Amino acid sequence: MEARVLWLDGLSFLAKADSNHWVPMDTSVEKSGGGGASTPMEMVLMALGACSGMDVVSILKKKRLEIEGFEVILRAERAEEHPKVFKKIRLTYLFRGAGLPLKALEDAVRLSQEKYCSVAGMLKPSVELEYDIQIESGGET
């Protein structure tokens, strides 16, 4: 895997990796950035949610489990001192659908967290990862 990060102006950058999609990055105006894009640390947090989310959806699809909606909400605590690394991240897996079996959802999330998600695997040695599962009933007619 290879990536390229191109400086634009101020603290604004464009990044591109093997998938050949440009991703903007910036920081807040308060930190001398332009405030025009996500920060690198936000990207790490979003990467964790997307990586695990892809695993979960893939596992549930293999189990032929139909979900109406799904999202991962992440809340991170950072160190006070530099480098302000993540200390703790809580992932909330929010599923929408009628009659979703909790055990199947728990198994999918556990497999992602413990086996498949490479971003979680990289973060675990230094970041406390916690998760919970919530289910919202589907739209009954």
N, C-alpha and C. Protein backbone atom coordinates (compact mmCIF):
# COMPACT_ATOMS: atom_id res chain seq x y z
N MET A 1 0.85 -1.17 0.00
CA MET A 1 0.00 0.00 0.00
C MET A 1 0.90 1.23 0.00
N GLU A 2 0.46 2.22 -0.71
CA GLU A 2 1.22 3.46 -0.80
C GLU A 2 0.25 4.63 -0.76
N ALA A 3 0.69 5.75 -0.20
CA ALA A 3 -0.13 6.95 -0.15
C ALA A 3 0.73 8.15 -0.49
N ARG A 4 0.06 9.19 -0.92
CA ARG A 4 0.73 10.44 -1.26
C ARG A 4 -0.06 11.57 -0.61
N VAL A 5 0.64 12.49 0.05
CA VAL A 5 -0.01 13.61 0.71
C VAL A 5 0.58 14.89 0.13
N LEU A 6 -0.29 15.70 -0.46
CA LEU A 6 0.12 16.91 -1.17
C LEU A 6 -0.29 18.15 -0.40
N TRP A 7 0.67 19.00 -0.07
CA TRP A 7 0.39 20.25 0.63
C TRP A 7 -0.24 21.24 -0.33
N LEU A 8 -1.32 21.89 0.08
CA LEU A 8 -1.99 22.87 -0.76
C LEU A 8 -1.61 24.28 -0.34
N ASP A 9 -2.01 24.64 0.90
CA ASP A 9 -1.76 25.99 1.41
C ASP A 9 -2.06 25.98 2.90
N GLY A 10 -1.42 26.84 3.65
CA GLY A 10 -1.67 26.87 5.08
C GLY A 10 -1.42 25.50 5.68
N LEU A 11 -2.45 24.90 6.29
CA LEU A 11 -2.36 23.54 6.81
C LEU A 11 -3.33 22.61 6.08
N SER A 12 -3.63 22.94 4.84
CA SER A 12 -4.53 22.12 4.01
C SER A 12 -3.73 21.17 3.14
N PHE A 13 -4.17 19.92 3.11
CA PHE A 13 -3.51 18.89 2.33
C PHE A 13 -4.55 18.07 1.55
N LEU A 14 -4.09 17.44 0.49
CA LEU A 14 -4.87 16.43 -0.22
C LEU A 14 -4.09 15.13 -0.14
N ALA A 15 -4.77 14.04 0.13
CA ALA A 15 -4.11 12.74 0.23
C ALA A 15 -4.76 11.77 -0.74
N LYS A 16 -3.95 10.87 -1.27
CA LYS A 16 -4.45 9.85 -2.19
C LYS A 16 -3.64 8.58 -1.96
N ALA A 17 -4.33 7.44 -1.93
CA ALA A 17 -3.66 6.15 -1.77
C ALA A 17 -3.96 5.28 -2.99
N ASP A 18 -3.74 4.00 -2.86
CA ASP A 18 -3.87 3.09 -3.99
C ASP A 18 -5.24 3.10 -4.65
N SER A 19 -6.30 3.43 -3.90
CA SER A 19 -7.64 3.46 -4.50
C SER A 19 -7.82 4.64 -5.43
N ASN A 20 -6.86 5.58 -5.43
CA ASN A 20 -6.82 6.71 -6.35
C ASN A 20 -7.91 7.74 -6.13
N HIS A 21 -8.35 7.90 -4.88
CA HIS A 21 -9.34 8.92 -4.53
C HIS A 21 -8.67 9.98 -3.68
N TRP A 22 -8.83 11.23 -4.06
CA TRP A 22 -8.26 12.33 -3.29
C TRP A 22 -9.14 12.61 -2.07
N VAL A 23 -8.50 12.80 -0.91
CA VAL A 23 -9.20 13.09 0.33
C VAL A 23 -8.60 14.38 0.91
N PRO A 24 -9.45 15.41 1.14
CA PRO A 24 -8.91 16.64 1.73
C PRO A 24 -8.72 16.48 3.24
N MET A 25 -7.71 17.17 3.75
CA MET A 25 -7.47 17.22 5.20
C MET A 25 -7.08 18.65 5.57
N ASP A 26 -7.49 19.06 6.74
CA ASP A 26 -7.21 20.42 7.21
C ASP A 26 -7.26 20.38 8.73
N THR A 27 -7.21 21.51 9.35
CA THR A 27 -7.43 21.63 10.78
C THR A 27 -8.25 22.88 11.03
N SER A 28 -8.63 23.10 12.26
CA SER A 28 -9.52 24.22 12.58
C SER A 28 -8.83 25.56 12.38
N VAL A 29 -9.62 26.58 12.19
CA VAL A 29 -9.11 27.95 12.07
C VAL A 29 -8.34 28.33 13.33
N GLU A 30 -8.84 27.89 14.51
CA GLU A 30 -8.18 28.18 15.78
C GLU A 30 -6.76 27.63 15.84
N LYS A 31 -6.51 26.60 15.07
CA LYS A 31 -5.17 25.98 15.04
C LYS A 31 -4.41 26.37 13.78
N SER A 32 -4.79 27.51 13.19
CA SER A 32 -4.15 28.08 12.00
C SER A 32 -4.46 27.35 10.71
N GLY A 33 -5.48 26.54 10.71
CA GLY A 33 -5.90 25.89 9.48
C GLY A 33 -7.02 26.67 8.82
N GLY A 34 -7.54 26.12 7.75
CA GLY A 34 -8.63 26.76 7.03
C GLY A 34 -10.00 26.26 7.47
N GLY A 35 -10.03 25.17 8.23
CA GLY A 35 -11.30 24.61 8.69
C GLY A 35 -12.13 24.02 7.57
N GLY A 36 -11.48 23.67 6.45
CA GLY A 36 -12.23 23.22 5.28
C GLY A 36 -12.37 21.72 5.11
N ALA A 37 -11.82 20.93 6.02
CA ALA A 37 -11.90 19.47 5.86
C ALA A 37 -11.66 18.81 7.20
N SER A 38 -11.79 17.50 7.23
CA SER A 38 -11.54 16.72 8.44
C SER A 38 -10.07 16.75 8.79
N THR A 39 -9.80 16.62 10.10
CA THR A 39 -8.41 16.57 10.57
C THR A 39 -7.88 15.14 10.45
N PRO A 40 -6.56 14.97 10.47
CA PRO A 40 -6.01 13.61 10.42
C PRO A 40 -6.53 12.71 11.55
N MET A 41 -6.67 13.23 12.77
CA MET A 41 -7.16 12.40 13.87
C MET A 41 -8.64 12.04 13.66
N GLU A 42 -9.42 12.96 13.10
CA GLU A 42 -10.80 12.62 12.76
C GLU A 42 -10.83 11.51 11.72
N MET A 43 -9.90 11.56 10.79
CA MET A 43 -9.82 10.52 9.75
C MET A 43 -9.54 9.15 10.37
N VAL A 44 -8.66 9.11 11.38
CA VAL A 44 -8.37 7.85 12.06
C VAL A 44 -9.63 7.32 12.74
N LEU A 45 -10.36 8.20 13.40
CA LEU A 45 -11.59 7.81 14.07
C LEU A 45 -12.62 7.31 13.06
N MET A 46 -12.78 8.02 11.96
CA MET A 46 -13.73 7.61 10.92
C MET A 46 -13.29 6.30 10.27
N ALA A 47 -11.98 6.12 10.10
CA ALA A 47 -11.47 4.88 9.52
C ALA A 47 -11.82 3.69 10.40
N LEU A 48 -11.72 3.87 11.72
CA LEU A 48 -12.09 2.79 12.64
C LEU A 48 -13.56 2.43 12.47
N GLY A 49 -14.43 3.43 12.43
CA GLY A 49 -15.86 3.17 12.28
C GLY A 49 -16.20 2.51 10.96
N ALA A 50 -15.58 2.98 9.88
CA ALA A 50 -15.85 2.40 8.56
C ALA A 50 -15.30 0.98 8.45
N CYS A 51 -14.10 0.76 8.96
CA CYS A 51 -13.49 -0.57 8.90
C CYS A 51 -14.36 -1.59 9.63
N SER A 52 -14.72 -1.27 10.86
CA SER A 52 -15.53 -2.18 11.64
C SER A 52 -16.93 -2.31 11.04
N GLY A 53 -17.48 -1.20 10.59
CA GLY A 53 -18.80 -1.23 9.97
C GLY A 53 -18.84 -2.13 8.74
N MET A 54 -17.81 -2.08 7.92
CA MET A 54 -17.75 -2.95 6.74
C MET A 54 -17.71 -4.41 7.14
N ASP A 55 -16.94 -4.71 8.18
CA ASP A 55 -16.89 -6.09 8.68
C ASP A 55 -18.28 -6.55 9.12
N VAL A 56 -18.93 -5.74 9.95
CA VAL A 56 -20.22 -6.11 10.52
C VAL A 56 -21.25 -6.33 9.41
N VAL A 57 -21.35 -5.42 8.47
CA VAL A 57 -22.31 -5.57 7.38
C VAL A 57 -22.01 -6.83 6.57
N SER A 58 -20.74 -7.08 6.29
CA SER A 58 -20.35 -8.27 5.54
C SER A 58 -20.73 -9.55 6.28
N ILE A 59 -20.47 -9.60 7.57
CA ILE A 59 -20.80 -10.77 8.38
C ILE A 59 -22.30 -10.99 8.42
N LEU A 60 -23.06 -9.92 8.63
CA LEU A 60 -24.52 -10.06 8.69
C LEU A 60 -25.11 -10.47 7.35
N LYS A 61 -24.50 -10.00 6.27
CA LYS A 61 -24.96 -10.40 4.93
C LYS A 61 -24.75 -11.90 4.72
N LYS A 62 -23.60 -12.41 5.19
CA LYS A 62 -23.32 -13.85 5.08
C LYS A 62 -24.30 -14.67 5.90
N LYS A 63 -24.79 -14.08 7.00
CA LYS A 63 -25.79 -14.75 7.84
C LYS A 63 -27.21 -14.55 7.29
N ARG A 64 -27.31 -13.84 6.18
CA ARG A 64 -28.60 -13.53 5.52
C ARG A 64 -29.54 -12.77 6.47
N LEU A 65 -28.94 -11.88 7.25
CA LEU A 65 -29.71 -11.07 8.18
C LEU A 65 -29.98 -9.71 7.54
N GLU A 66 -31.25 -9.36 7.44
CA GLU A 66 -31.66 -8.10 6.82
C GLU A 66 -31.72 -6.99 7.87
N ILE A 67 -30.97 -5.92 7.63
CA ILE A 67 -31.05 -4.74 8.48
C ILE A 67 -31.57 -3.59 7.63
N GLU A 68 -32.34 -2.71 8.25
CA GLU A 68 -32.89 -1.56 7.53
C GLU A 68 -31.93 -0.38 7.54
N GLY A 69 -31.13 -0.29 8.58
CA GLY A 69 -30.17 0.79 8.70
C GLY A 69 -29.12 0.45 9.71
N PHE A 70 -27.98 1.12 9.60
CA PHE A 70 -26.86 0.81 10.47
C PHE A 70 -25.91 2.00 10.50
N GLU A 71 -25.42 2.34 11.67
CA GLU A 71 -24.37 3.34 11.77
C GLU A 71 -23.50 3.04 12.98
N VAL A 72 -22.30 3.56 12.93
CA VAL A 72 -21.36 3.43 14.05
C VAL A 72 -21.07 4.85 14.54
N ILE A 73 -21.34 5.08 15.81
CA ILE A 73 -21.08 6.38 16.42
C ILE A 73 -19.86 6.21 17.32
N LEU A 74 -18.85 7.06 17.10
CA LEU A 74 -17.60 6.93 17.84
C LEU A 74 -17.36 8.17 18.69
N ARG A 75 -16.96 7.94 19.94
CA ARG A 75 -16.62 9.03 20.86
C ARG A 75 -15.23 8.74 21.40
N ALA A 76 -14.33 9.70 21.21
CA ALA A 76 -12.94 9.47 21.59
C ALA A 76 -12.49 10.44 22.67
N GLU A 77 -11.64 9.94 23.55
CA GLU A 77 -10.96 10.76 24.55
C GLU A 77 -9.49 10.81 24.15
N ARG A 78 -8.92 12.03 24.19
CA ARG A 78 -7.53 12.21 23.80
C ARG A 78 -6.68 12.62 25.00
N ALA A 79 -5.41 12.34 24.91
CA ALA A 79 -4.46 12.75 25.94
C ALA A 79 -4.39 14.27 25.98
N GLU A 80 -4.12 14.82 27.15
CA GLU A 80 -4.01 16.27 27.33
C GLU A 80 -2.70 16.81 26.74
N GLU A 81 -1.64 16.01 26.83
CA GLU A 81 -0.31 16.44 26.40
C GLU A 81 0.02 15.88 25.01
N HIS A 82 0.94 16.55 24.34
CA HIS A 82 1.39 16.11 23.01
C HIS A 82 2.24 14.86 23.13
N PRO A 83 2.14 13.94 22.23
CA PRO A 83 1.22 13.93 21.11
C PRO A 83 -0.17 13.53 21.59
N LYS A 84 -1.15 14.29 21.32
CA LYS A 84 -2.50 14.10 21.87
C LYS A 84 -3.19 12.89 21.25
N VAL A 85 -2.67 11.73 21.63
CA VAL A 85 -3.16 10.47 21.08
C VAL A 85 -4.53 10.12 21.66
N PHE A 86 -5.20 9.21 21.00
CA PHE A 86 -6.44 8.68 21.56
C PHE A 86 -6.11 7.81 22.76
N LYS A 87 -6.82 8.02 23.85
CA LYS A 87 -6.68 7.18 25.04
C LYS A 87 -7.78 6.13 25.08
N LYS A 88 -8.98 6.54 24.69
CA LYS A 88 -10.14 5.66 24.79
C LYS A 88 -11.12 6.02 23.66
N ILE A 89 -11.66 4.99 23.04
CA ILE A 89 -12.67 5.18 22.00
C ILE A 89 -13.85 4.27 22.31
N ARG A 90 -15.03 4.84 22.33
CA ARG A 90 -16.26 4.05 22.52
C ARG A 90 -17.01 4.05 21.20
N LEU A 91 -17.30 2.85 20.72
CA LEU A 91 -18.06 2.67 19.49
C LEU A 91 -19.47 2.23 19.86
N THR A 92 -20.46 2.92 19.35
CA THR A 92 -21.85 2.50 19.51
C THR A 92 -22.34 2.03 18.16
N TYR A 93 -22.70 0.76 18.09
CA TYR A 93 -23.22 0.17 16.86
C TYR A 93 -24.73 0.28 16.93
N LEU A 94 -25.32 1.08 16.06
CA LEU A 94 -26.75 1.34 16.07
C LEU A 94 -27.39 0.66 14.87
N PHE A 95 -28.21 -0.35 15.15
CA PHE A 95 -28.89 -1.11 14.10
C PHE A 95 -30.35 -0.72 14.05
N ARG A 96 -30.91 -0.68 12.85
CA ARG A 96 -32.34 -0.43 12.67
C ARG A 96 -32.94 -1.60 11.90
N GLY A 97 -34.05 -2.09 12.44
CA GLY A 97 -34.74 -3.18 11.79
C GLY A 97 -35.65 -3.90 12.76
N ALA A 98 -36.60 -4.60 12.22
CA ALA A 98 -37.56 -5.34 13.04
C ALA A 98 -37.05 -6.75 13.30
N GLY A 99 -37.19 -7.19 14.54
CA GLY A 99 -36.86 -8.57 14.89
C GLY A 99 -35.40 -8.94 14.73
N LEU A 100 -34.50 -8.01 14.93
CA LEU A 100 -33.08 -8.33 14.79
C LEU A 100 -32.60 -9.14 15.99
N PRO A 101 -31.98 -10.30 15.75
CA PRO A 101 -31.51 -11.13 16.86
C PRO A 101 -30.23 -10.56 17.48
N LEU A 102 -30.31 -10.18 18.75
CA LEU A 102 -29.19 -9.54 19.44
C LEU A 102 -27.92 -10.40 19.36
N LYS A 103 -28.05 -11.70 19.54
CA LYS A 103 -26.87 -12.58 19.54
C LYS A 103 -26.11 -12.49 18.22
N ALA A 104 -26.81 -12.46 17.10
CA ALA A 104 -26.16 -12.37 15.79
C ALA A 104 -25.43 -11.04 15.63
N LEU A 105 -26.04 -9.96 16.13
CA LEU A 105 -25.40 -8.65 16.07
C LEU A 105 -24.15 -8.61 16.95
N GLU A 106 -24.28 -9.16 18.17
CA GLU A 106 -23.14 -9.22 19.09
C GLU A 106 -21.99 -10.03 18.49
N ASP A 107 -22.31 -11.16 17.88
CA ASP A 107 -21.27 -11.99 17.26
C ASP A 107 -20.55 -11.24 16.15
N ALA A 108 -21.30 -10.54 15.31
CA ALA A 108 -20.70 -9.80 14.19
C ALA A 108 -19.78 -8.70 14.70
N VAL A 109 -20.22 -7.96 15.70
CA VAL A 109 -19.41 -6.88 16.26
C VAL A 109 -18.17 -7.45 16.94
N ARG A 110 -18.34 -8.49 17.71
CA ARG A 110 -17.20 -9.11 18.40
C ARG A 110 -16.16 -9.61 17.40
N LEU A 111 -16.61 -10.27 16.33
CA LEU A 111 -15.68 -10.75 15.31
C LEU A 111 -14.92 -9.60 14.66
N SER A 112 -15.62 -8.53 14.39
CA SER A 112 -14.95 -7.37 13.82
C SER A 112 -13.89 -6.84 14.77
N GLN A 113 -14.27 -6.64 16.03
CA GLN A 113 -13.36 -6.05 17.01
C GLN A 113 -12.17 -6.96 17.34
N GLU A 114 -12.41 -8.26 17.40
CA GLU A 114 -11.37 -9.18 17.85
C GLU A 114 -10.57 -9.83 16.73
N LYS A 115 -11.12 -9.85 15.51
CA LYS A 115 -10.44 -10.62 14.47
C LYS A 115 -10.21 -9.85 13.17
N TYR A 116 -11.23 -9.20 12.65
CA TYR A 116 -11.16 -8.72 11.28
C TYR A 116 -10.75 -7.27 11.08
N CYS A 117 -11.13 -6.36 11.94
CA CYS A 117 -10.89 -4.93 11.69
C CYS A 117 -9.42 -4.58 11.90
N SER A 118 -8.72 -4.30 10.82
CA SER A 118 -7.29 -4.00 10.90
C SER A 118 -7.02 -2.67 11.61
N VAL A 119 -7.93 -1.70 11.47
CA VAL A 119 -7.74 -0.42 12.16
C VAL A 119 -7.85 -0.64 13.67
N ALA A 120 -8.83 -1.40 14.11
CA ALA A 120 -8.95 -1.72 15.54
C ALA A 120 -7.71 -2.48 16.00
N GLY A 121 -7.24 -3.40 15.20
CA GLY A 121 -6.05 -4.16 15.54
C GLY A 121 -4.83 -3.28 15.75
N MET A 122 -4.69 -2.22 14.94
CA MET A 122 -3.57 -1.30 15.10
C MET A 122 -3.72 -0.43 16.34
N LEU A 123 -4.95 -0.04 16.65
CA LEU A 123 -5.18 0.86 17.77
C LEU A 123 -5.15 0.17 19.13
N LYS A 124 -5.59 -1.09 19.18
CA LYS A 124 -5.74 -1.79 20.46
C LYS A 124 -4.52 -1.79 21.38
N PRO A 125 -3.31 -1.91 20.86
CA PRO A 125 -2.18 -1.93 21.80
C PRO A 125 -2.02 -0.64 22.61
N SER A 126 -2.56 0.47 22.12
CA SER A 126 -2.37 1.73 22.84
C SER A 126 -3.65 2.48 23.18
N VAL A 127 -4.77 2.00 22.68
CA VAL A 127 -6.05 2.70 22.89
C VAL A 127 -7.06 1.72 23.49
N GLU A 128 -7.76 2.16 24.51
CA GLU A 128 -8.83 1.34 25.10
C GLU A 128 -10.05 1.45 24.19
N LEU A 129 -10.47 0.33 23.60
CA LEU A 129 -11.64 0.30 22.73
C LEU A 129 -12.79 -0.36 23.48
N GLU A 130 -13.91 0.33 23.54
CA GLU A 130 -15.13 -0.19 24.15
C GLU A 130 -16.25 -0.08 23.13
N TYR A 131 -17.24 -0.94 23.26
CA TYR A 131 -18.37 -0.83 22.34
C TYR A 131 -19.67 -1.25 23.01
N ASP A 132 -20.76 -0.76 22.45
CA ASP A 132 -22.08 -1.23 22.85
C ASP A 132 -22.93 -1.32 21.60
N ILE A 133 -24.03 -2.04 21.73
CA ILE A 133 -24.93 -2.28 20.61
C ILE A 133 -26.31 -1.76 20.99
N GLN A 134 -26.90 -1.03 20.07
CA GLN A 134 -28.26 -0.54 20.26
C GLN A 134 -29.09 -0.95 19.06
N ILE A 135 -30.35 -1.26 19.32
CA ILE A 135 -31.26 -1.66 18.25
C ILE A 135 -32.49 -0.75 18.29
N GLU A 136 -32.80 -0.17 17.14
CA GLU A 136 -34.04 0.58 16.99
C GLU A 136 -34.97 -0.29 16.14
N SER A 137 -36.20 -0.47 16.61
CA SER A 137 -37.16 -1.27 15.85
C SER A 137 -37.39 -0.68 14.49
N GLY A 138 -37.65 -1.55 13.53
CA GLY A 138 -37.90 -1.11 12.16
C GLY A 138 -39.25 -0.47 12.01
N GLY A 139 -39.50 0.06 10.86
CA GLY A 139 -40.76 0.73 10.58
C GLY A 139 -41.89 -0.25 10.32
N GLU A 140 -42.60 -0.61 11.36
CA GLU A 140 -43.75 -1.51 11.20
C GLU A 140 -44.87 -0.75 10.50
N THR A 141 -45.58 -1.47 9.64
CA THR A 141 -46.72 -0.85 8.92
C THR A 141 -48.02 -1.35 9.43
